[in-house]
Structures are given as structure tokens and as C-alpha cells.
N, C-alpha and C. Protein backbone atom coordinates (compact mmCIF):
# COMPACT_ATOMS: atom_id res chain seq x y z
N MET A 1 0.92 -1.35 0.03
CA MET A 1 -0.19 -0.17 0.00
C MET A 1 0.77 1.35 -0.14
N ILE A 2 0.55 2.30 -0.92
CA ILE A 2 1.21 3.42 -1.09
C ILE A 2 0.57 4.63 0.15
N ASP A 3 1.55 5.13 1.13
CA ASP A 3 1.17 5.80 1.85
C ASP A 3 0.74 7.38 1.25
N SER A 4 -0.36 7.83 1.90
CA SER A 4 -1.07 9.16 1.79
C SER A 4 0.10 10.21 1.68
N VAL A 5 -0.31 11.43 1.06
CA VAL A 5 0.65 12.46 1.18
C VAL A 5 0.72 12.82 2.52
N GLY A 6 -0.32 12.92 3.41
CA GLY A 6 0.20 13.35 4.84
C GLY A 6 0.66 12.52 5.55
N LYS A 7 0.47 11.09 5.44
CA LYS A 7 1.66 10.11 6.03
C LYS A 7 2.80 10.34 5.60
N ARG A 8 3.17 10.43 4.04
CA ARG A 8 4.42 10.59 3.87
C ARG A 8 5.29 11.96 4.65
N LEU A 9 4.40 13.09 4.64
CA LEU A 9 4.74 14.19 5.58
C LEU A 9 5.12 13.96 6.91
N GLU A 10 4.56 13.28 7.43
CA GLU A 10 4.48 13.16 8.86
C GLU A 10 5.89 12.05 9.00
N LYS A 11 5.92 10.94 8.12
CA LYS A 11 7.40 10.33 8.30
C LYS A 11 8.46 11.22 8.12
N TYR A 12 8.46 12.29 7.28
CA TYR A 12 9.56 13.11 7.02
C TYR A 12 9.94 13.83 7.93
N SER A 13 8.99 14.25 9.06
CA SER A 13 9.11 15.16 10.31
C SER A 13 9.51 14.24 11.11
N ALA A 14 9.14 13.20 11.05
CA ALA A 14 9.65 12.19 12.42
C ALA A 14 11.09 11.78 12.03
N ILE A 15 11.71 12.10 10.97
CA ILE A 15 13.18 11.87 10.75
C ILE A 15 13.75 13.44 10.93
N ALA A 16 13.21 14.31 10.23
CA ALA A 16 13.78 15.65 10.35
C ALA A 16 13.16 16.46 11.61
N LYS A 17 13.64 15.83 12.85
CA LYS A 17 13.30 16.13 14.12
C LYS A 17 13.41 18.02 14.47
N GLN A 18 14.23 18.31 13.41
CA GLN A 18 14.97 19.88 13.61
C GLN A 18 14.04 20.66 12.99
N GLU A 19 12.85 20.13 12.24
CA GLU A 19 12.22 21.09 11.18
C GLU A 19 10.73 20.75 11.56
N VAL A 20 10.01 22.03 11.38
CA VAL A 20 8.25 21.79 11.34
C VAL A 20 8.13 21.94 10.10
N LEU A 21 7.09 21.45 9.59
CA LEU A 21 6.40 21.87 8.41
C LEU A 21 5.19 22.42 8.44
N ILE A 22 4.95 23.35 7.66
CA ILE A 22 3.92 24.19 7.50
C ILE A 22 3.27 24.08 6.08
N VAL A 23 2.20 23.60 6.22
CA VAL A 23 1.80 22.77 4.87
C VAL A 23 0.39 23.65 4.56
N THR A 24 0.28 24.19 3.58
CA THR A 24 -0.75 25.06 3.20
C THR A 24 -1.71 23.96 2.14
N VAL A 25 -2.84 23.73 2.37
CA VAL A 25 -3.47 22.81 1.63
C VAL A 25 -4.98 23.51 1.42
N GLU A 26 -5.51 22.93 -0.04
CA GLU A 26 -6.86 23.47 -0.12
C GLU A 26 -7.92 21.98 -0.27
N VAL A 27 -9.05 21.97 0.28
CA VAL A 27 -9.71 20.84 0.43
C VAL A 27 -11.24 21.40 -0.13
N ASP A 28 -11.97 21.02 -1.15
CA ASP A 28 -13.10 21.48 -1.49
C ASP A 28 -13.21 22.90 -1.33
N GLY A 29 -12.29 23.78 -2.24
CA GLY A 29 -12.34 25.07 -1.90
C GLY A 29 -11.87 25.78 -0.61
N VAL A 30 -11.71 25.19 0.50
CA VAL A 30 -11.31 25.73 1.38
C VAL A 30 -9.93 25.44 1.77
N SER A 31 -8.98 26.60 2.10
CA SER A 31 -7.89 26.86 2.61
C SER A 31 -7.59 26.09 3.91
N ASP A 32 -6.66 25.49 4.35
CA ASP A 32 -6.31 25.22 5.64
C ASP A 32 -4.76 25.17 5.78
N ARG A 33 -4.19 25.37 6.82
CA ARG A 33 -2.88 25.38 7.30
C ARG A 33 -2.51 24.43 8.20
N ILE A 34 -1.58 23.69 8.14
CA ILE A 34 -1.34 22.55 9.16
C ILE A 34 0.06 22.55 9.13
N ALA A 35 0.52 22.33 10.67
CA ALA A 35 1.73 22.09 11.06
C ALA A 35 1.80 20.60 11.42
N ILE A 36 2.95 20.00 11.08
CA ILE A 36 3.61 18.77 11.15
C ILE A 36 4.96 18.64 11.60
N PHE A 37 4.83 18.08 12.99
CA PHE A 37 6.20 18.07 13.69
C PHE A 37 6.23 16.58 14.32
N LYS A 38 7.57 16.07 14.35
CA LYS A 38 7.69 14.83 14.85
C LYS A 38 6.85 13.77 14.41
N GLY A 39 6.23 13.72 13.56
CA GLY A 39 5.28 12.85 13.04
C GLY A 39 3.86 12.81 13.29
N PHE A 40 3.54 14.02 13.59
CA PHE A 40 2.21 14.39 13.94
C PHE A 40 1.54 15.44 13.25
N SER A 41 0.18 15.71 12.87
CA SER A 41 -0.30 17.06 11.95
C SER A 41 -1.14 17.51 12.99
N SER A 42 -1.45 18.75 12.92
CA SER A 42 -2.21 19.39 13.55
C SER A 42 -2.77 20.86 12.56
N SER A 43 -4.16 20.96 12.35
CA SER A 43 -4.40 22.05 11.86
C SER A 43 -4.42 23.27 12.43
N LEU A 44 -3.82 24.38 11.77
CA LEU A 44 -3.47 25.62 12.69
C LEU A 44 -4.80 26.43 12.51
N THR A 45 -5.84 26.16 11.47
CA THR A 45 -6.98 27.15 11.31
C THR A 45 -8.11 26.45 11.52
N SER A 46 -8.30 25.05 11.65
CA SER A 46 -9.58 24.36 11.90
C SER A 46 -9.51 23.42 13.07
N PRO A 47 -10.53 23.05 13.42
CA PRO A 47 -10.40 21.82 14.60
C PRO A 47 -9.56 20.36 14.09
N THR A 48 -9.03 19.78 14.74
CA THR A 48 -8.14 18.51 14.45
C THR A 48 -8.76 17.33 15.08
N ALA A 49 -9.01 16.28 14.56
CA ALA A 49 -9.66 15.31 15.10
C ALA A 49 -8.76 14.85 16.35
N PHE A 50 -9.45 14.16 17.35
CA PHE A 50 -8.57 13.78 18.60
C PHE A 50 -7.94 12.33 18.10
N ASP A 51 -8.58 11.69 17.33
CA ASP A 51 -8.13 10.53 16.79
C ASP A 51 -7.19 10.49 15.76
N PRO A 52 -5.82 9.95 16.21
CA PRO A 52 -4.69 10.03 15.15
C PRO A 52 -4.87 9.27 13.88
N ASP A 53 -5.71 8.16 13.93
CA ASP A 53 -5.93 7.53 12.35
C ASP A 53 -6.85 8.42 11.40
N VAL A 54 -7.62 9.71 12.07
CA VAL A 54 -8.32 10.28 11.10
C VAL A 54 -7.08 11.26 10.49
N PRO A 55 -7.18 11.34 9.20
CA PRO A 55 -5.97 12.19 8.50
C PRO A 55 -6.30 13.78 8.63
N VAL A 56 -5.47 14.40 8.94
CA VAL A 56 -5.60 15.68 8.75
C VAL A 56 -5.51 16.34 7.40
N ILE A 57 -4.59 15.78 6.73
CA ILE A 57 -4.69 16.07 5.24
C ILE A 57 -5.33 14.76 4.37
N PRO A 58 -6.59 15.05 4.01
CA PRO A 58 -7.42 14.18 3.01
C PRO A 58 -6.64 13.70 2.00
N ASP A 59 -6.95 12.62 1.64
CA ASP A 59 -6.54 12.32 0.24
C ASP A 59 -6.88 13.38 -0.98
N THR A 60 -8.11 14.04 -0.78
CA THR A 60 -8.73 15.14 -1.75
C THR A 60 -7.99 16.12 -1.64
N ALA A 61 -7.15 16.46 -0.60
CA ALA A 61 -6.53 18.11 -0.63
C ALA A 61 -5.39 18.28 -1.73
N ARG A 62 -5.40 19.26 -2.09
CA ARG A 62 -4.59 19.73 -3.00
C ARG A 62 -3.43 20.61 -2.25
N ILE A 63 -2.04 20.40 -2.20
CA ILE A 63 -1.12 20.96 -1.42
C ILE A 63 -0.69 22.16 -2.24
N VAL A 64 -0.70 23.32 -1.64
CA VAL A 64 -0.51 24.56 -2.19
C VAL A 64 0.77 24.89 -2.14
N ALA A 65 1.51 24.61 -0.86
CA ALA A 65 2.91 25.14 -0.51
C ALA A 65 3.31 24.60 0.89
N ILE A 66 4.49 24.10 0.82
CA ILE A 66 4.96 23.44 2.04
C ILE A 66 6.28 24.61 2.50
N ASP A 67 6.24 25.00 3.83
CA ASP A 67 7.40 25.73 4.57
C ASP A 67 7.98 24.70 5.36
N ARG A 68 9.39 24.90 5.02
CA ARG A 68 10.34 24.09 5.93
C ARG A 68 10.71 25.08 7.19
N VAL A 69 10.16 24.96 8.44
CA VAL A 69 10.71 26.00 9.45
C VAL A 69 11.54 25.37 10.45
N ALA A 70 12.57 25.83 11.09
CA ALA A 70 13.51 25.39 12.08
C ALA A 70 12.63 25.40 13.28
N SER A 71 12.95 24.23 14.00
CA SER A 71 12.26 24.03 15.43
C SER A 71 13.11 24.52 16.42
N PRO A 72 12.56 24.96 17.57
CA PRO A 72 11.31 25.14 17.75
C PRO A 72 10.51 26.28 17.22
N TYR A 73 9.10 26.04 16.67
CA TYR A 73 8.53 26.90 16.03
C TYR A 73 7.89 27.90 16.51
N ASN A 74 8.04 29.01 16.19
CA ASN A 74 7.62 30.41 16.99
C ASN A 74 6.67 31.19 16.00
N PRO A 75 5.32 31.22 16.08
CA PRO A 75 4.70 31.69 14.74
C PRO A 75 5.01 33.19 14.59
N GLN A 76 5.37 33.91 15.71
CA GLN A 76 5.76 35.18 15.44
C GLN A 76 6.96 35.50 14.95
N SER A 77 7.61 34.81 14.96
CA SER A 77 9.10 34.71 14.20
C SER A 77 9.81 33.59 13.85
N PRO A 78 8.85 33.05 12.72
CA PRO A 78 9.59 31.91 12.30
C PRO A 78 10.99 31.89 11.58
N GLN A 79 11.84 30.87 11.76
CA GLN A 79 13.14 30.90 10.99
C GLN A 79 12.97 29.97 9.82
N TYR A 80 12.70 30.29 8.76
CA TYR A 80 12.38 29.66 7.34
C TYR A 80 13.62 28.92 7.14
N ILE A 81 13.45 27.52 6.68
CA ILE A 81 14.71 26.89 5.95
C ILE A 81 14.35 27.08 4.56
N GLN A 82 13.18 26.72 3.99
CA GLN A 82 12.83 27.04 2.76
C GLN A 82 11.32 27.29 2.70
N GLN A 83 10.69 28.07 1.91
CA GLN A 83 9.22 28.47 1.91
C GLN A 83 8.86 28.51 0.37
N GLY A 84 7.44 28.24 0.49
CA GLY A 84 6.68 28.22 -0.48
C GLY A 84 7.16 26.73 -1.71
N LEU A 85 7.24 25.85 -0.99
CA LEU A 85 7.77 24.72 -2.06
C LEU A 85 6.32 23.91 -2.41
N THR A 86 6.62 23.55 -3.60
CA THR A 86 5.34 22.94 -4.24
C THR A 86 5.63 21.46 -3.84
N TRP A 87 4.66 20.61 -4.08
CA TRP A 87 4.60 19.20 -3.67
C TRP A 87 5.77 18.58 -4.78
N GLU A 88 5.84 18.87 -5.88
CA GLU A 88 7.05 18.49 -6.75
C GLU A 88 8.15 18.61 -6.30
N GLU A 89 8.68 20.00 -5.64
CA GLU A 89 9.68 20.45 -5.13
C GLU A 89 10.04 19.92 -4.00
N PHE A 90 9.01 19.32 -3.15
CA PHE A 90 9.60 18.61 -1.82
C PHE A 90 9.75 17.20 -1.99
N GLN A 91 9.20 16.53 -3.12
CA GLN A 91 9.45 15.01 -3.03
C GLN A 91 10.65 14.93 -3.31
N PRO A 92 11.85 15.31 -3.86
CA PRO A 92 13.20 14.79 -3.84
C PRO A 92 13.51 14.69 -2.31
N LEU A 93 12.98 15.58 -1.10
CA LEU A 93 13.55 15.24 0.00
C LEU A 93 13.18 13.85 0.56
N LEU A 94 11.75 13.64 0.16
CA LEU A 94 11.14 12.43 0.65
C LEU A 94 12.05 11.16 0.21
N THR A 95 12.41 11.28 -0.99
CA THR A 95 12.73 10.31 -1.91
C THR A 95 14.54 9.83 -1.11
N ALA A 96 14.87 11.11 -0.68
CA ALA A 96 16.26 11.05 -0.22
C ALA A 96 16.47 10.23 1.09
N LEU A 97 15.06 10.30 1.63
CA LEU A 97 15.17 9.59 2.98
C LEU A 97 14.44 8.34 3.00
N GLY A 98 13.98 7.78 1.59
CA GLY A 98 13.40 6.72 1.32
C GLY A 98 11.83 6.80 1.62
N ILE A 99 11.37 7.64 1.61
CA ILE A 99 9.87 7.78 2.35
C ILE A 99 9.16 7.82 0.80
């Protein structure tokens, strides 16, 4: 079985523990921002299900942008590693880690 986009990003963050991913997605025309850190996802703009088996990034989501931010994440003063990556631009990072 192939992992979903959200699961792949969570696996990346579990390995790259010095980073927080801020992912902007669009689902059914609604924008959402999701923080992914140490293997866990949480919406920054809408409620997140308590059950970790409920994906925060559904399969129908369109990735708008991925920001790599140095941990610890400070929303008032984020330290960007890379900003505004597309899904296509981010995939080589996943491949490099075998994800």
C-alpha cells in the first residue's frame, strides 16, 4: 500500500526532527494550514480530530505550499529553511530519506 501525502509528510517530520512543516492545503475550495512536527499533524486554522487515525490532510487535498521551518516553531518569528515549496519540489527530500 502506498502512503498518503499526509502520512509521507509525517514520516519526513519524524526523521527531520529539527524541522516543522507548515503545509498550506486546499480541500473542496477551503484553505487550511497544517503544522507537522515529529510525526504528528495539527490544523492551525480548523479543529483537528482527537483520533490520530483520522487524517488531517485528506487524500482529496491539494498541496498549495510547504514551508520548512526550524524547530522550535515560533509563529511570531518563524525561522524559514525553505518557503513556498510545491509538492513536486518537496518530493526529492522524501525520496532522499526513502519515504
